Amino acid sequence: MKYKAILFDLDGTLLYTLDDLTDSVNYILKKYGYSERSINDVRCFVGNGLTRLIELAFGESRDDLAEIAREFKAYYATHSDIKTKPYAGVDEMLAELSGMGIKMAVVTNKVQSAADILHEKYFKAYMPFSVGDSAERQRKPSPESVFFALKKLGVSTDECLYVGDSEVDMKTAENAHVDCALVTWGYRDVEFLRSFAPAYLLNTPCELISIIKGDGEEP
Protein backbone atom coordinates (compact mmCIF):
# COMPACT_ATOMS: atom_id res chain seq x y z
CA MET A 1 0.00 0.00 0.00
CA LYS A 2 1.23 3.48 -0.87
CA TYR A 3 0.07 5.02 2.42
CA LYS A 4 0.95 3.65 5.84
CA ALA A 5 -0.68 6.48 7.78
CA ILE A 6 -3.69 8.74 7.48
CA LEU A 7 -4.08 12.02 9.34
CA PHE A 8 -7.60 13.39 9.61
CA ASP A 9 -9.03 16.81 10.12
CA LEU A 10 -11.90 16.71 12.62
CA ASP A 11 -14.65 19.28 12.03
CA GLY A 12 -16.46 18.58 8.77
CA THR A 13 -14.31 15.54 8.04
CA LEU A 14 -14.91 12.90 10.72
CA LEU A 15 -17.52 14.64 12.86
CA TYR A 16 -20.46 16.92 12.16
CA THR A 17 -19.81 19.57 14.80
CA LEU A 18 -21.51 22.57 13.27
CA ASP A 19 -24.57 22.68 15.53
CA ASP A 20 -22.54 22.66 18.74
CA LEU A 21 -20.10 25.22 17.34
CA THR A 22 -22.96 27.50 16.28
CA ASP A 23 -24.70 27.21 19.64
CA SER A 24 -21.47 28.01 21.47
CA VAL A 25 -20.68 30.96 19.20
CA ASN A 26 -24.17 32.36 19.74
CA TYR A 27 -23.87 31.90 23.49
CA ILE A 28 -20.79 34.11 23.61
CA LEU A 29 -22.23 36.64 21.12
CA LYS A 30 -25.41 37.00 23.17
CA LYS A 31 -23.38 37.45 26.36
CA TYR A 32 -21.60 40.45 24.81
CA GLY A 33 -24.72 41.96 23.26
CA TYR A 34 -24.19 40.91 19.66
CA SER A 35 -26.70 39.41 17.25
CA GLU A 36 -26.63 35.66 16.69
CA ARG A 37 -24.93 34.11 13.67
CA SER A 38 -26.57 31.60 11.34
CA ILE A 39 -25.28 28.08 10.95
CA ASN A 40 -24.11 28.98 7.44
CA ASP A 41 -22.13 31.92 8.83
CA VAL A 42 -20.34 29.64 11.29
CA ARG A 43 -19.75 27.06 8.57
CA CYS A 44 -17.64 29.62 6.71
CA PHE A 45 -15.79 30.70 9.86
CA VAL A 46 -14.60 27.23 10.91
CA GLY A 47 -11.13 25.96 10.09
CA ASN A 48 -8.63 28.59 11.21
CA GLY A 49 -8.72 28.05 14.95
CA LEU A 50 -10.72 29.34 17.87
CA THR A 51 -9.46 32.91 18.00
CA ARG A 52 -10.14 33.50 14.32
CA LEU A 53 -13.58 31.89 14.68
CA ILE A 54 -14.48 34.36 17.43
CA GLU A 55 -13.06 37.32 15.53
CA LEU A 56 -15.08 36.46 12.43
CA ALA A 57 -18.22 35.84 14.49
CA PHE A 58 -17.97 39.26 16.15
CA GLY A 59 -17.18 40.86 12.82
CA GLU A 60 -14.60 43.19 14.30
CA SER A 61 -11.39 43.26 16.25
CA ARG A 62 -11.71 43.90 19.99
CA ASP A 63 -9.14 44.66 22.66
CA ASP A 64 -10.62 41.90 24.83
CA LEU A 65 -10.70 39.27 22.10
CA ALA A 66 -8.23 37.04 23.92
CA GLU A 67 -10.41 37.01 27.03
CA ILE A 68 -13.53 36.29 24.96
CA ALA A 69 -11.71 33.43 23.26
CA ARG A 70 -10.82 31.97 26.67
CA GLU A 71 -14.47 32.18 27.72
CA PHE A 72 -15.56 30.50 24.51
CA LYS A 73 -12.94 27.78 24.97
CA ALA A 74 -14.20 27.00 28.47
CA TYR A 75 -17.84 26.97 27.37
CA TYR A 76 -17.27 24.87 24.27
CA ALA A 77 -15.19 22.33 26.19
CA THR A 78 -18.32 21.38 28.12
CA HIS A 79 -20.73 21.77 25.19
CA SER A 80 -18.77 20.16 22.35
CA ASP A 81 -20.62 16.86 22.30
CA ILE A 82 -24.32 17.68 22.58
CA LYS A 83 -25.38 17.57 18.91
CA THR A 84 -22.07 16.42 17.46
CA LYS A 85 -21.99 13.05 15.67
CA PRO A 86 -19.85 11.11 13.20
CA TYR A 87 -20.74 11.37 9.53
CA ALA A 88 -22.46 8.30 8.07
CA GLY A 89 -19.89 5.64 7.25
CA VAL A 90 -17.04 7.13 9.29
CA ASP A 91 -17.07 4.48 12.04
CA GLU A 92 -17.06 1.68 9.50
CA MET A 93 -14.26 3.36 7.55
CA LEU A 94 -12.08 3.80 10.63
CA ALA A 95 -12.69 0.24 11.76
CA GLU A 96 -11.66 -1.17 8.37
CA LEU A 97 -8.57 1.02 8.13
CA SER A 98 -7.56 -0.03 11.62
CA GLY A 99 -8.02 -3.66 10.67
CA MET A 100 -5.75 -3.10 7.67
CA GLY A 101 -2.98 -1.90 9.98
CA ILE A 102 -3.13 1.73 8.84
CA LYS A 103 -1.78 4.14 11.44
CA MET A 104 -4.12 7.06 12.12
CA ALA A 105 -4.39 10.26 14.12
CA VAL A 106 -6.46 13.44 14.13
CA VAL A 107 -4.76 16.77 13.39
CA THR A 108 -7.16 19.63 14.01
CA ASN A 109 -7.30 23.33 14.84
CA LYS A 110 -9.91 22.56 17.49
CA VAL A 111 -8.59 23.40 20.96
CA GLN A 112 -6.79 20.45 22.53
CA SER A 113 -9.22 20.16 25.46
CA ALA A 114 -12.22 19.70 23.13
CA ALA A 115 -10.24 17.45 20.79
CA ASP A 116 -9.37 15.21 23.74
CA ILE A 117 -13.01 14.91 24.80
CA LEU A 118 -14.13 13.94 21.31
CA HIS A 119 -11.18 11.61 20.82
CA GLU A 120 -12.03 9.70 23.98
CA LYS A 121 -15.60 9.11 22.84
CA TYR A 122 -15.25 8.57 19.11
CA PHE A 123 -11.70 7.62 18.12
CA LYS A 124 -9.73 5.88 20.88
CA ALA A 125 -10.62 2.43 19.50
CA TYR A 126 -9.03 3.30 16.15
CA MET A 127 -6.16 5.69 16.79
CA PRO A 128 -3.85 6.57 19.69
CA PHE A 129 -4.18 10.35 19.85
CA SER A 130 -5.60 13.59 18.48
CA VAL A 131 -3.41 16.66 18.01
CA GLY A 132 -5.31 19.87 18.71
CA ASP A 133 -4.52 23.56 18.92
CA SER A 134 -2.13 24.31 21.77
CA ALA A 135 0.58 26.80 22.67
CA GLU A 136 3.21 24.15 21.89
CA ARG A 137 2.72 24.27 18.12
CA GLN A 138 1.55 26.65 15.42
CA ARG A 139 -1.93 25.81 14.21
CA LYS A 140 -2.75 24.71 10.67
CA PRO A 141 -1.92 25.57 7.94
CA SER A 142 1.48 25.38 9.60
CA PRO A 143 2.80 21.83 9.10
CA GLU A 144 4.02 21.56 12.72
CA SER A 145 1.08 19.47 13.93
CA VAL A 146 1.43 17.11 10.97
CA PHE A 147 5.14 16.62 11.64
CA PHE A 148 4.44 16.11 15.36
CA ALA A 149 1.82 13.44 14.62
CA LEU A 150 3.96 11.62 12.06
CA LYS A 151 6.90 11.52 14.45
CA LYS A 152 4.70 9.95 17.13
CA LEU A 153 3.36 7.43 14.60
CA GLY A 154 6.83 6.66 13.23
CA VAL A 155 5.86 7.37 9.62
CA SER A 156 7.49 9.55 6.95
CA THR A 157 5.72 12.26 4.96
CA ASP A 158 5.79 10.26 1.71
CA GLU A 159 3.85 7.47 3.44
CA CYS A 160 1.09 9.78 4.70
CA LEU A 161 -2.25 10.97 3.36
CA TYR A 162 -3.95 13.98 4.96
CA VAL A 163 -7.75 14.02 4.79
CA GLY A 164 -9.72 17.23 5.34
CA ASP A 165 -12.62 19.34 4.11
CA SER A 166 -11.27 22.85 3.58
CA GLU A 167 -8.73 25.12 1.98
CA VAL A 168 -6.90 25.18 5.32
CA ASP A 169 -6.44 21.41 5.13
CA MET A 170 -5.21 21.61 1.55
CA LYS A 171 -2.65 24.26 2.48
CA THR A 172 -1.58 22.26 5.53
CA ALA A 173 -0.91 19.22 3.37
CA GLU A 174 1.02 21.31 0.86
CA ASN A 175 3.14 22.87 3.60
CA ALA A 176 3.91 19.45 5.04
CA HIS A 177 4.58 17.93 1.58
CA VAL A 178 2.01 15.18 2.03
CA ASP A 179 -0.76 14.07 -0.33
CA CYS A 180 -4.21 15.47 0.40
CA ALA A 181 -7.73 14.08 0.02
CA LEU A 182 -10.62 16.51 0.45
CA VAL A 183 -14.09 15.30 1.42
CA THR A 184 -17.24 16.72 -0.15
CA TRP A 185 -19.58 16.08 2.80
CA GLY A 186 -18.02 18.75 5.03
CA TYR A 187 -18.22 22.53 5.41
CA ARG A 188 -17.11 23.69 1.93
CA ASP A 189 -18.74 23.50 -1.52
CA VAL A 190 -17.59 20.80 -3.92
CA GLU A 191 -16.51 23.09 -6.75
CA PHE A 192 -14.56 25.24 -4.30
CA LEU A 193 -12.67 22.15 -3.12
CA ARG A 194 -12.11 20.96 -6.67
CA SER A 195 -10.40 24.25 -7.52
CA PHE A 196 -7.49 23.29 -5.25
CA ALA A 197 -6.78 20.12 -7.25
CA PRO A 198 -6.33 17.73 -4.33
CA ALA A 199 -4.85 14.30 -4.98
CA TYR A 200 -8.28 12.83 -4.23
CA LEU A 201 -11.82 14.13 -3.84
CA LEU A 202 -13.96 11.85 -1.67
CA ASN A 203 -17.74 11.71 -1.89
CA THR A 204 -18.17 8.98 0.73
CA PRO A 205 -15.97 7.61 3.52
CA CYS A 206 -15.79 4.18 1.89
CA GLU A 207 -13.94 5.70 -1.08
CA LEU A 208 -10.94 6.19 1.19
CA ILE A 209 -10.73 2.42 1.64
CA SER A 210 -10.41 2.01 -2.13
CA ILE A 211 -7.63 4.58 -2.25
CA ILE A 212 -5.66 2.86 0.49
CA LYS A 213 -6.09 -0.49 -1.24
CA GLY A 214 -4.73 1.10 -4.40
CA ASP A 215 -7.79 1.15 -6.63
CA GLY A 216 -9.02 4.70 -5.97
CA GLU A 217 -9.07 7.22 -8.78
CA GLU A 218 -7.79 10.76 -8.60
CA PRO A 219 -10.33 13.53 -9.43
C-alpha atoms as a PDB file:
ATOM      1  CA  MET A   1       0.000   0.000   0.000  1.00  0.00           C
ATOM      2  CA  LYS A   2       1.232   3.478  -0.868  1.00  0.00           C
ATOM      3  CA  TYR A   3       0.068   5.016   2.419  1.00  0.00           C
ATOM      4  CA  LYS A   4       0.950   3.648   5.838  1.00  0.00           C
ATOM      5  CA  ALA A   5      -0.680   6.479   7.779  1.00  0.00           C
ATOM      6  CA  ILE A   6      -3.693   8.745   7.481  1.00  0.00           C
ATOM      7  CA  LEU A   7      -4.079  12.018   9.344  1.00  0.00           C
ATOM      8  CA  PHE A   8      -7.600  13.385   9.611  1.00  0.00           C
ATOM      9  CA  ASP A   9      -9.027  16.814  10.123  1.00  0.00           C
ATOM     10  CA  LEU A  10     -11.896  16.706  12.622  1.00  0.00           C
ATOM     11  CA  ASP A  11     -14.654  19.277  12.029  1.00  0.00           C
ATOM     12  CA  GLY A  12     -16.460  18.582   8.773  1.00  0.00           C
ATOM     13  CA  THR A  13     -14.311  15.536   8.044  1.00  0.00           C
ATOM     14  CA  LEU A  14     -14.909  12.903  10.718  1.00  0.00           C
ATOM     15  CA  LEU A  15     -17.522  14.642  12.857  1.00  0.00           C
ATOM     16  CA  TYR A  16     -20.455  16.917  12.160  1.00  0.00           C
ATOM     17  CA  THR A  17     -19.805  19.570  14.798  1.00  0.00           C
ATOM     18  CA  LEU A  18     -21.510  22.573  13.269  1.00  0.00           C
ATOM     19  CA  ASP A  19     -24.569  22.676  15.531  1.00  0.00           C
ATOM     20  CA  ASP A  20     -22.535  22.655  18.736  1.00  0.00           C
ATOM     21  CA  LEU A  21     -20.102  25.221  17.336  1.00  0.00           C
ATOM     22  CA  THR A  22     -22.960  27.503  16.277  1.00  0.00           C
ATOM     23  CA  ASP A  23     -24.700  27.207  19.645  1.00  0.00           C
ATOM     24  CA  SER A  24     -21.466  28.013  21.473  1.00  0.00           C
ATOM     25  CA  VAL A  25     -20.681  30.963  19.196  1.00  0.00           C
ATOM     26  CA  ASN A  26     -24.170  32.363  19.742  1.00  0.00           C
ATOM     27  CA  TYR A  27     -23.868  31.898  23.493  1.00  0.00           C
ATOM     28  CA  ILE A  28     -20.790  34.112  23.607  1.00  0.00           C
ATOM     29  CA  LEU A  29     -22.227  36.645  21.125  1.00  0.00           C
ATOM     30  CA  LYS A  30     -25.405  37.005  23.173  1.00  0.00           C
ATOM     31  CA  LYS A  31     -23.376  37.449  26.358  1.00  0.00           C
ATOM     32  CA  TYR A  32     -21.603  40.450  24.811  1.00  0.00           C
ATOM     33  CA  GLY A  33     -24.720  41.957  23.263  1.00  0.00           C
ATOM     34  CA  TYR A  34     -24.189  40.907  19.660  1.00  0.00           C
ATOM     35  CA  SER A  35     -26.697  39.412  17.245  1.00  0.00           C
ATOM     36  CA  GLU A  36     -26.625  35.662  16.686  1.00  0.00           C
ATOM     37  CA  ARG A  37     -24.932  34.110  13.667  1.00  0.00           C
ATOM     38  CA  SER A  38     -26.572  31.604  11.341  1.00  0.00           C
ATOM     39  CA  ILE A  39     -25.283  28.084  10.953  1.00  0.00           C
ATOM     40  CA  ASN A  40     -24.113  28.983   7.437  1.00  0.00           C
ATOM     41  CA  ASP A  41     -22.129  31.919   8.829  1.00  0.00           C
ATOM     42  CA  VAL A  42     -20.340  29.643  11.294  1.00  0.00           C
ATOM     43  CA  ARG A  43     -19.753  27.063   8.570  1.00  0.00           C
ATOM     44  CA  CYS A  44     -17.642  29.624   6.712  1.00  0.00           C
ATOM     45  CA  PHE A  45     -15.786  30.701   9.861  1.00  0.00           C
ATOM     46  CA  VAL A  46     -14.601  27.226  10.915  1.00  0.00           C
ATOM     47  CA  GLY A  47     -11.126  25.964  10.087  1.00  0.00           C
ATOM     48  CA  ASN A  48      -8.632  28.587  11.214  1.00  0.00           C
ATOM     49  CA  GLY A  49      -8.716  28.045  14.954  1.00  0.00           C
ATOM     50  CA  LEU A  50     -10.723  29.335  17.867  1.00  0.00           C
ATOM     51  CA  THR A  51      -9.462  32.913  18.002  1.00  0.00           C
ATOM     52  CA  ARG A  52     -10.144  33.495  14.318  1.00  0.00           C
ATOM     53  CA  LEU A  53     -13.575  31.893  14.678  1.00  0.00           C
ATOM     54  CA  ILE A  54     -14.484  34.357  17.426  1.00  0.00           C
ATOM     55  CA  GLU A  55     -13.055  37.324  15.529  1.00  0.00           C
ATOM     56  CA  LEU A  56     -15.082  36.457  12.430  1.00  0.00           C
ATOM     57  CA  ALA A  57     -18.220  35.844  14.491  1.00  0.00           C
ATOM     58  CA  PHE A  58     -17.966  39.261  16.149  1.00  0.00           C
ATOM     59  CA  GLY A  59     -17.181  40.864  12.816  1.00  0.00           C
ATOM     60  CA  GLU A  60     -14.605  43.190  14.301  1.00  0.00           C
ATOM     61  CA  SER A  61     -11.395  43.258  16.254  1.00  0.00           C
ATOM     62  CA  ARG A  62     -11.711  43.897  19.993  1.00  0.00           C
ATOM     63  CA  ASP A  63      -9.144  44.657  22.660  1.00  0.00           C
ATOM     64  CA  ASP A  64     -10.624  41.902  24.831  1.00  0.00           C
ATOM     65  CA  LEU A  65     -10.700  39.272  22.095  1.00  0.00           C
ATOM     66  CA  ALA A  66      -8.228  37.037  23.924  1.00  0.00           C
ATOM     67  CA  GLU A  67     -10.411  37.011  27.033  1.00  0.00           C
ATOM     68  CA  ILE A  68     -13.535  36.292  24.957  1.00  0.00           C
ATOM     69  CA  ALA A  69     -11.709  33.435  23.262  1.00  0.00           C
ATOM     70  CA  ARG A  70     -10.818  31.974  26.666  1.00  0.00           C
ATOM     71  CA  GLU A  71     -14.466  32.177  27.722  1.00  0.00           C
ATOM     72  CA  PHE A  72     -15.558  30.504  24.512  1.00  0.00           C
ATOM     73  CA  LYS A  73     -12.942  27.778  24.967  1.00  0.00           C
ATOM     74  CA  ALA A  74     -14.202  27.000  28.466  1.00  0.00           C
ATOM     75  CA  TYR A  75     -17.843  26.966  27.373  1.00  0.00           C
ATOM     76  CA  TYR A  76     -17.269  24.873  24.269  1.00  0.00           C
ATOM     77  CA  ALA A  77     -15.188  22.335  26.191  1.00  0.00           C
ATOM     78  CA  THR A  78     -18.324  21.381  28.117  1.00  0.00           C
ATOM     79  CA  HIS A  79     -20.734  21.774  25.190  1.00  0.00           C
ATOM     80  CA  SER A  80     -18.771  20.161  22.346  1.00  0.00           C
ATOM     81  CA  ASP A  81     -20.618  16.859  22.301  1.00  0.00           C
ATOM     82  CA  ILE A  82     -24.324  17.680  22.579  1.00  0.00           C
ATOM     83  CA  LYS A  83     -25.385  17.567  18.913  1.00  0.00           C
ATOM     84  CA  THR A  84     -22.066  16.416  17.459  1.00  0.00           C
ATOM     85  CA  LYS A  85     -21.993  13.055  15.669  1.00  0.00           C
ATOM     86  CA  PRO A  86     -19.848  11.105  13.200  1.00  0.00           C
ATOM     87  CA  TYR A  87     -20.743  11.368   9.532  1.00  0.00           C
ATOM     88  CA  ALA A  88     -22.459   8.300   8.074  1.00  0.00           C
ATOM     89  CA  GLY A  89     -19.890   5.638   7.246  1.00  0.00           C
ATOM     90  CA  VAL A  90     -17.038   7.127   9.292  1.00  0.00           C
ATOM     91  CA  ASP A  91     -17.075   4.484  12.040  1.00  0.00           C
ATOM     92  CA  GLU A  92     -17.062   1.684   9.499  1.00  0.00           C
ATOM     93  CA  MET A  93     -14.257   3.356   7.550  1.00  0.00           C
ATOM     94  CA  LEU A  94     -12.078   3.800  10.633  1.00  0.00           C
ATOM     95  CA  ALA A  95     -12.689   0.236  11.757  1.00  0.00           C
ATOM     96  CA  GLU A  96     -11.660  -1.167   8.375  1.00  0.00           C
ATOM     97  CA  LEU A  97      -8.571   1.024   8.132  1.00  0.00           C
ATOM     98  CA  SER A  98      -7.562  -0.032  11.624  1.00  0.00           C
ATOM     99  CA  GLY A  99      -8.019  -3.659  10.672  1.00  0.00           C
ATOM    100  CA  MET A 100      -5.749  -3.101   7.674  1.00  0.00           C
ATOM    101  CA  GLY A 101      -2.984  -1.898   9.982  1.00  0.00           C
ATOM    102  CA  ILE A 102      -3.125   1.731   8.838  1.00  0.00           C
ATOM    103  CA  LYS A 103      -1.779   4.138  11.437  1.00  0.00           C
ATOM    104  CA  MET A 104      -4.116   7.058  12.124  1.00  0.00           C
ATOM    105  CA  ALA A 105      -4.387  10.262  14.120  1.00  0.00           C
ATOM    106  CA  VAL A 106      -6.456  13.436  14.128  1.00  0.00           C
ATOM    107  CA  VAL A 107      -4.758  16.768  13.395  1.00  0.00           C
ATOM    108  CA  THR A 108      -7.165  19.632  14.011  1.00  0.00           C
ATOM    109  CA  ASN A 109      -7.296  23.326  14.837  1.00  0.00           C
ATOM    110  CA  LYS A 110      -9.908  22.557  17.486  1.00  0.00           C
ATOM    111  CA  VAL A 111      -8.592  23.403  20.956  1.00  0.00           C
ATOM    112  CA  GLN A 112      -6.788  20.452  22.531  1.00  0.00           C
ATOM    113  CA  SER A 113      -9.223  20.156  25.459  1.00  0.00           C
ATOM    114  CA  ALA A 114     -12.222  19.697  23.134  1.00  0.00           C
ATOM    115  CA  ALA A 115     -10.241  17.450  20.787  1.00  0.00           C
ATOM    116  CA  ASP A 116      -9.369  15.205  23.740  1.00  0.00           C
ATOM    117  CA  ILE A 117     -13.014  14.908  24.805  1.00  0.00           C
ATOM    118  CA  LEU A 118     -14.133  13.940  21.309  1.00  0.00           C
ATOM    119  CA  HIS A 119     -11.176  11.608  20.819  1.00  0.00           C
ATOM    120  CA  GLU A 120     -12.035   9.699  23.980  1.00  0.00           C
ATOM    121  CA  LYS A 121     -15.603   9.107  22.841  1.00  0.00           C
ATOM    122  CA  TYR A 122     -15.246   8.570  19.111  1.00  0.00           C
ATOM    123  CA  PHE A 123     -11.702   7.620  18.118  1.00  0.00           C
ATOM    124  CA  LYS A 124      -9.734   5.884  20.878  1.00  0.00           C
ATOM    125  CA  ALA A 125     -10.618   2.430  19.500  1.00  0.00           C
ATOM    126  CA  TYR A 126      -9.032   3.301  16.148  1.00  0.00           C
ATOM    127  CA  MET A 127      -6.160   5.692  16.786  1.00  0.00           C
ATOM    128  CA  PRO A 128      -3.849   6.565  19.693  1.00  0.00           C
ATOM    129  CA  PHE A 129      -4.183  10.355  19.852  1.00  0.00           C
ATOM    130  CA  SER A 130      -5.600  13.585  18.483  1.00  0.00           C
ATOM    131  CA  VAL A 131      -3.413  16.660  18.014  1.00  0.00           C
ATOM    132  CA  GLY A 132      -5.315  19.873  18.706  1.00  0.00           C
ATOM    133  CA  ASP A 133      -4.518  23.557  18.922  1.00  0.00           C
ATOM    134  CA  SER A 134      -2.130  24.314  21.770  1.00  0.00           C
ATOM    135  CA  ALA A 135       0.583  26.796  22.671  1.00  0.00           C
ATOM    136  CA  GLU A 136       3.209  24.150  21.891  1.00  0.00           C
ATOM    137  CA  ARG A 137       2.720  24.274  18.121  1.00  0.00           C
ATOM    138  CA  GLN A 138       1.553  26.646  15.415  1.00  0.00           C
ATOM    139  CA  ARG A 139      -1.934  25.807  14.205  1.00  0.00           C
ATOM    140  CA  LYS A 140      -2.755  24.709  10.674  1.00  0.00           C
ATOM    141  CA  PRO A 141      -1.920  25.574   7.939  1.00  0.00           C
ATOM    142  CA  SER A 142       1.479  25.378   9.600  1.00  0.00           C
ATOM    143  CA  PRO A 143       2.796  21.825   9.103  1.00  0.00           C
ATOM    144  CA  GLU A 144       4.020  21.563  12.719  1.00  0.00           C
ATOM    145  CA  SER A 145       1.081  19.466  13.933  1.00  0.00           C
ATOM    146  CA  VAL A 146       1.428  17.111  10.970  1.00  0.00           C
ATOM    147  CA  PHE A 147       5.135  16.621  11.642  1.00  0.00           C
ATOM    148  CA  PHE A 148       4.436  16.111  15.355  1.00  0.00           C
ATOM    149  CA  ALA A 149       1.815  13.442  14.622  1.00  0.00           C
ATOM    150  CA  LEU A 150       3.957  11.623  12.063  1.00  0.00           C
ATOM    151  CA  LYS A 151       6.899  11.518  14.449  1.00  0.00           C
ATOM    152  CA  LYS A 152       4.704   9.946  17.126  1.00  0.00           C
ATOM    153  CA  LEU A 153       3.362   7.434  14.604  1.00  0.00           C
ATOM    154  CA  GLY A 154       6.826   6.660  13.233  1.00  0.00           C
ATOM    155  CA  VAL A 155       5.855   7.367   9.620  1.00  0.00           C
ATOM    156  CA  SER A 156       7.490   9.553   6.950  1.00  0.00           C
ATOM    157  CA  THR A 157       5.717  12.260   4.957  1.00  0.00           C
ATOM    158  CA  ASP A 158       5.791  10.264   1.713  1.00  0.00           C
ATOM    159  CA  GLU A 159       3.846   7.474   3.436  1.00  0.00           C
ATOM    160  CA  CYS A 160       1.093   9.783   4.699  1.00  0.00           C
ATOM    161  CA  LEU A 161      -2.251  10.973   3.357  1.00  0.00           C
ATOM    162  CA  TYR A 162      -3.948  13.977   4.961  1.00  0.00           C
ATOM    163  CA  VAL A 163      -7.753  14.016   4.793  1.00  0.00           C
ATOM    164  CA  GLY A 164      -9.723  17.233   5.344  1.00  0.00           C
ATOM    165  CA  ASP A 165     -12.621  19.338   4.114  1.00  0.00           C
ATOM    166  CA  SER A 166     -11.269  22.853   3.584  1.00  0.00           C
ATOM    167  CA  GLU A 167      -8.731  25.124   1.982  1.00  0.00           C
ATOM    168  CA  VAL A 168      -6.900  25.182   5.318  1.00  0.00           C
ATOM    169  CA  ASP A 169      -6.440  21.414   5.129  1.00  0.00           C
ATOM    170  CA  MET A 170      -5.209  21.613   1.553  1.00  0.00           C
ATOM    171  CA  LYS A 171      -2.648  24.265   2.482  1.00  0.00           C
ATOM    172  CA  THR A 172      -1.576  22.261   5.528  1.00  0.00           C
ATOM    173  CA  ALA A 173      -0.907  19.220   3.365  1.00  0.00           C
ATOM    174  CA  GLU A 174       1.025  21.313   0.859  1.00  0.00           C
ATOM    175  CA  ASN A 175       3.144  22.873   3.600  1.00  0.00           C
ATOM    176  CA  ALA A 176       3.905  19.446   5.040  1.00  0.00           C
ATOM    177  CA  HIS A 177       4.580  17.935   1.577  1.00  0.00           C
ATOM    178  CA  VAL A 178       2.015  15.178   2.026  1.00  0.00           C
ATOM    179  CA  ASP A 179      -0.758  14.074  -0.329  1.00  0.00           C
ATOM    180  CA  CYS A 180      -4.214  15.473   0.396  1.00  0.00           C
ATOM    181  CA  ALA A 181      -7.730  14.077   0.024  1.00  0.00           C
ATOM    182  CA  LEU A 182     -10.624  16.509   0.448  1.00  0.00           C
ATOM    183  CA  VAL A 183     -14.091  15.304   1.416  1.00  0.00           C
ATOM    184  CA  THR A 184     -17.242  16.719  -0.151  1.00  0.00           C
ATOM    185  CA  TRP A 185     -19.578  16.081   2.801  1.00  0.00           C
ATOM    186  CA  GLY A 186     -18.017  18.754   5.027  1.00  0.00           C
ATOM    187  CA  TYR A 187     -18.221  22.530   5.409  1.00  0.00           C
ATOM    188  CA  ARG A 188     -17.113  23.693   1.930  1.00  0.00           C
ATOM    189  CA  ASP A 189     -18.736  23.501  -1.518  1.00  0.00           C
ATOM    190  CA  VAL A 190     -17.588  20.796  -3.919  1.00  0.00           C
ATOM    191  CA  GLU A 191     -16.506  23.087  -6.748  1.00  0.00           C
ATOM    192  CA  PHE A 192     -14.561  25.244  -4.304  1.00  0.00           C
ATOM    193  CA  LEU A 193     -12.674  22.152  -3.124  1.00  0.00           C
ATOM    194  CA  ARG A 194     -12.111  20.957  -6.667  1.00  0.00           C
ATOM    195  CA  SER A 195     -10.404  24.246  -7.524  1.00  0.00           C
ATOM    196  CA  PHE A 196      -7.494  23.285  -5.250  1.00  0.00           C
ATOM    197  CA  ALA A 197      -6.783  20.123  -7.253  1.00  0.00           C
ATOM    198  CA  PRO A 198      -6.335  17.727  -4.333  1.00  0.00           C
ATOM    199  CA  ALA A 199      -4.850  14.304  -4.976  1.00  0.00           C
ATOM    200  CA  TYR A 200      -8.279  12.833  -4.233  1.00  0.00           C
ATOM    201  CA  LEU A 201     -11.818  14.131  -3.839  1.00  0.00           C
ATOM    202  CA  LEU A 202     -13.964  11.851  -1.667  1.00  0.00           C
ATOM    203  CA  ASN A 203     -17.742  11.706  -1.889  1.00  0.00           C
ATOM    204  CA  THR A 204     -18.174   8.979   0.726  1.00  0.00           C
ATOM    205  CA  PRO A 205     -15.971   7.610   3.520  1.00  0.00           C
ATOM    206  CA  CYS A 206     -15.789   4.184   1.891  1.00  0.00           C
ATOM    207  CA  GLU A 207     -13.943   5.701  -1.083  1.00  0.00           C
ATOM    208  CA  LEU A 208     -10.943   6.193   1.187  1.00  0.00           C
ATOM    209  CA  ILE A 209     -10.728   2.422   1.639  1.00  0.00           C
ATOM    210  CA  SER A 210     -10.411   2.013  -2.130  1.00  0.00           C
ATOM    211  CA  ILE A 211      -7.627   4.577  -2.254  1.00  0.00           C
ATOM    212  CA  ILE A 212      -5.657   2.864   0.490  1.00  0.00           C
ATOM    213  CA  LYS A 213      -6.087  -0.493  -1.241  1.00  0.00           C
ATOM    214  CA  GLY A 214      -4.731   1.097  -4.402  1.00  0.00           C
ATOM    215  CA  ASP A 215      -7.786   1.150  -6.634  1.00  0.00           C
ATOM    216  CA  GLY A 216      -9.023   4.700  -5.975  1.00  0.00           C
ATOM    217  CA  GLU A 217      -9.075   7.224  -8.785  1.00  0.00           C
ATOM    218  CA  GLU A 218      -7.794  10.759  -8.595  1.00  0.00           C
ATOM    219  CA  PRO A 219     -10.326  13.533  -9.426  1.00  0.00           C
END
